[in-house]
Amino acid sequence: MNALDSRLRGNDGNSKGYRQNKFAVIIERAATGNRAMKTLHLNADELDLNFDQCLKLANQAADHLLVKQGGAMLLSFWDNDRGLESPHGVSECHFQCPIPGWQDYASNRGGALMVNFGQGRFVFCYRPIDD
């Protein structure tokens, strides 16, 4: 277990949230479509990060967490500030569904990790490269 993994785990070894310097990190499993993705929740509101800064941090976290599978490839994202999703238009047929289109898209294409900033402000979905 590396240093990041040990900080993310509780005393019993299970994934749990922790709070250090008002920076909360929680890992949980999110059931999405036919596949379950692990979700890394980052609450960094007081840092006032923009989309590009969150993307860089999410890429680094995903590469670290999926290193045993060859690293991470970004599949989809949601930018709540601008109402922007990628791939564009994947939510058009999901307007009454409980799962947003960008999340379903990633889930059905091997998505294994979702990095969620600020309770859905920016969300990035990744798959392992060697999956």
Protein backbone atom coordinates (compact mmCIF):
# COMPACT_ATOMS: atom_id res chain seq x y z
CA MET A 1 0.00 0.00 0.00
CA ASN A 2 1.50 3.35 -1.01
CA ALA A 3 1.28 6.65 0.92
CA LEU A 4 -1.83 7.95 -0.92
CA ASP A 5 -3.64 4.62 -0.47
CA SER A 6 -2.86 4.59 3.26
CA ARG A 7 -4.19 8.15 3.69
CA LEU A 8 -7.40 7.22 1.86
CA ARG A 9 -8.02 4.17 4.02
CA GLY A 10 -9.29 4.12 7.58
CA ASN A 11 -7.74 2.23 10.48
CA ASP A 12 -9.54 -0.97 9.47
CA GLY A 13 -8.15 -0.81 5.90
CA ASN A 14 -11.48 0.00 4.29
CA SER A 15 -11.93 2.99 1.99
CA LYS A 16 -13.35 5.84 4.03
CA GLY A 17 -13.38 9.57 3.94
CA TYR A 18 -10.92 11.69 5.81
CA ARG A 19 -10.64 15.39 6.46
CA GLN A 20 -7.31 17.12 6.64
CA ASN A 21 -6.98 20.89 6.38
CA LYS A 22 -10.62 21.12 5.23
CA PHE A 23 -9.81 19.05 2.11
CA ALA A 24 -12.20 16.10 2.03
CA VAL A 25 -11.58 12.97 0.03
CA ILE A 26 -14.02 10.10 -0.11
CA ILE A 27 -13.85 6.98 -2.22
CA GLU A 28 -17.01 5.03 -2.85
CA ARG A 29 -18.47 2.76 -5.46
CA ALA A 30 -21.09 4.26 -7.75
CA ALA A 31 -23.43 1.90 -9.57
CA THR A 32 -23.74 3.16 -13.12
CA GLY A 33 -25.42 1.27 -15.91
CA ASN A 34 -24.01 -2.23 -16.27
CA ARG A 35 -20.72 -1.48 -14.57
CA ALA A 36 -19.64 -0.12 -11.20
CA MET A 37 -17.13 2.74 -11.18
CA LYS A 38 -15.10 3.76 -8.17
CA THR A 39 -15.68 7.41 -7.34
CA LEU A 40 -13.13 9.79 -5.88
CA HIS A 41 -14.90 12.82 -4.39
CA LEU A 42 -12.73 15.91 -3.93
CA ASN A 43 -14.07 18.90 -2.01
CA ALA A 44 -11.62 21.68 -2.79
CA ASP A 45 -14.07 24.59 -2.99
CA GLU A 46 -11.95 26.91 -0.86
CA LEU A 47 -9.08 26.50 -3.35
CA ASP A 48 -11.27 28.07 -6.06
CA LEU A 49 -9.97 25.76 -8.80
CA ASN A 50 -11.19 26.27 -12.36
CA PHE A 51 -12.06 23.53 -14.86
CA ASP A 52 -8.53 23.23 -16.29
CA GLN A 53 -6.93 23.00 -12.85
CA CYS A 54 -9.43 20.33 -11.78
CA LEU A 55 -8.80 18.41 -15.01
CA LYS A 56 -5.04 18.38 -14.36
CA LEU A 57 -5.57 17.20 -10.78
CA ALA A 58 -8.11 14.57 -11.89
CA ASN A 59 -5.70 13.27 -14.57
CA GLN A 60 -2.93 12.90 -12.00
CA ALA A 61 -5.19 11.16 -9.48
CA ALA A 62 -6.59 8.81 -12.15
CA ASP A 63 -3.13 7.91 -13.43
CA HIS A 64 -2.02 7.20 -9.86
CA LEU A 65 -5.05 5.10 -8.95
CA LEU A 66 -5.06 3.15 -12.23
CA VAL A 67 -1.27 2.73 -12.51
CA LYS A 68 -1.49 -1.09 -12.22
CA GLN A 69 -3.72 -1.09 -15.32
CA GLY A 70 -1.31 1.03 -17.37
CA GLY A 71 -2.65 4.44 -16.38
CA ALA A 72 -5.89 6.25 -17.20
CA MET A 73 -7.69 7.49 -20.30
CA LEU A 74 -10.35 10.21 -19.98
CA LEU A 75 -13.66 9.00 -21.45
CA SER A 76 -16.12 11.73 -20.54
CA PHE A 77 -16.66 14.77 -18.35
CA TRP A 78 -19.30 17.14 -17.00
CA ASP A 79 -18.69 20.86 -16.40
CA ASN A 80 -21.65 22.11 -14.37
CA ASP A 81 -20.46 25.75 -14.46
CA ARG A 82 -20.88 25.89 -18.23
CA GLY A 83 -23.45 23.10 -18.68
CA LEU A 84 -20.92 21.36 -20.91
CA GLU A 85 -20.54 17.63 -21.35
CA SER A 86 -18.18 15.49 -23.37
CA PRO A 87 -18.85 13.71 -25.59
CA HIS A 88 -21.24 16.40 -26.74
CA GLY A 89 -24.90 15.37 -26.92
CA VAL A 90 -24.70 12.11 -24.96
CA SER A 91 -27.39 13.31 -22.54
CA GLU A 92 -29.96 14.14 -25.23
CA CYS A 93 -31.74 10.80 -24.76
CA HIS A 94 -31.13 10.75 -20.99
CA PHE A 95 -33.24 13.76 -19.98
CA GLN A 96 -35.53 11.65 -17.75
CA CYS A 97 -32.99 9.01 -16.75
CA PRO A 98 -31.41 8.81 -13.30
CA ILE A 99 -27.94 8.44 -14.86
CA PRO A 100 -26.57 11.34 -16.95
CA GLY A 101 -25.51 10.50 -20.50
CA TRP A 102 -21.81 11.30 -19.98
CA GLN A 103 -21.73 8.89 -17.01
CA ASP A 104 -23.58 6.15 -18.89
CA TYR A 105 -21.24 6.65 -21.88
CA ALA A 106 -18.17 6.05 -19.68
CA SER A 107 -19.76 3.16 -17.82
CA ASN A 108 -20.52 1.32 -21.05
CA ARG A 109 -17.01 1.86 -22.42
CA GLY A 110 -14.99 0.41 -19.57
CA GLY A 111 -15.13 3.33 -17.14
CA ALA A 112 -13.56 2.36 -13.84
CA LEU A 113 -13.01 5.68 -12.03
CA MET A 114 -15.02 8.86 -11.66
CA VAL A 115 -13.33 11.93 -10.15
CA ASN A 116 -15.96 14.30 -8.77
CA PHE A 117 -15.06 17.85 -7.68
CA GLY A 118 -17.36 19.95 -5.52
CA GLN A 119 -20.37 17.60 -5.44
CA GLY A 120 -20.79 17.51 -9.21
CA ARG A 121 -19.32 20.85 -10.23
CA PHE A 122 -16.72 19.08 -12.41
CA VAL A 123 -16.80 15.31 -12.98
CA PHE A 124 -14.30 13.27 -15.00
CA CYS A 125 -14.67 9.58 -15.95
CA TYR A 126 -11.70 7.37 -16.76
CA ARG A 127 -10.96 3.85 -17.93
CA PRO A 128 -7.72 1.92 -17.48
CA ILE A 129 -5.49 1.96 -20.55
CA ASP A 130 -4.72 -1.79 -20.34
CA ASP A 131 -8.31 -2.87 -19.73
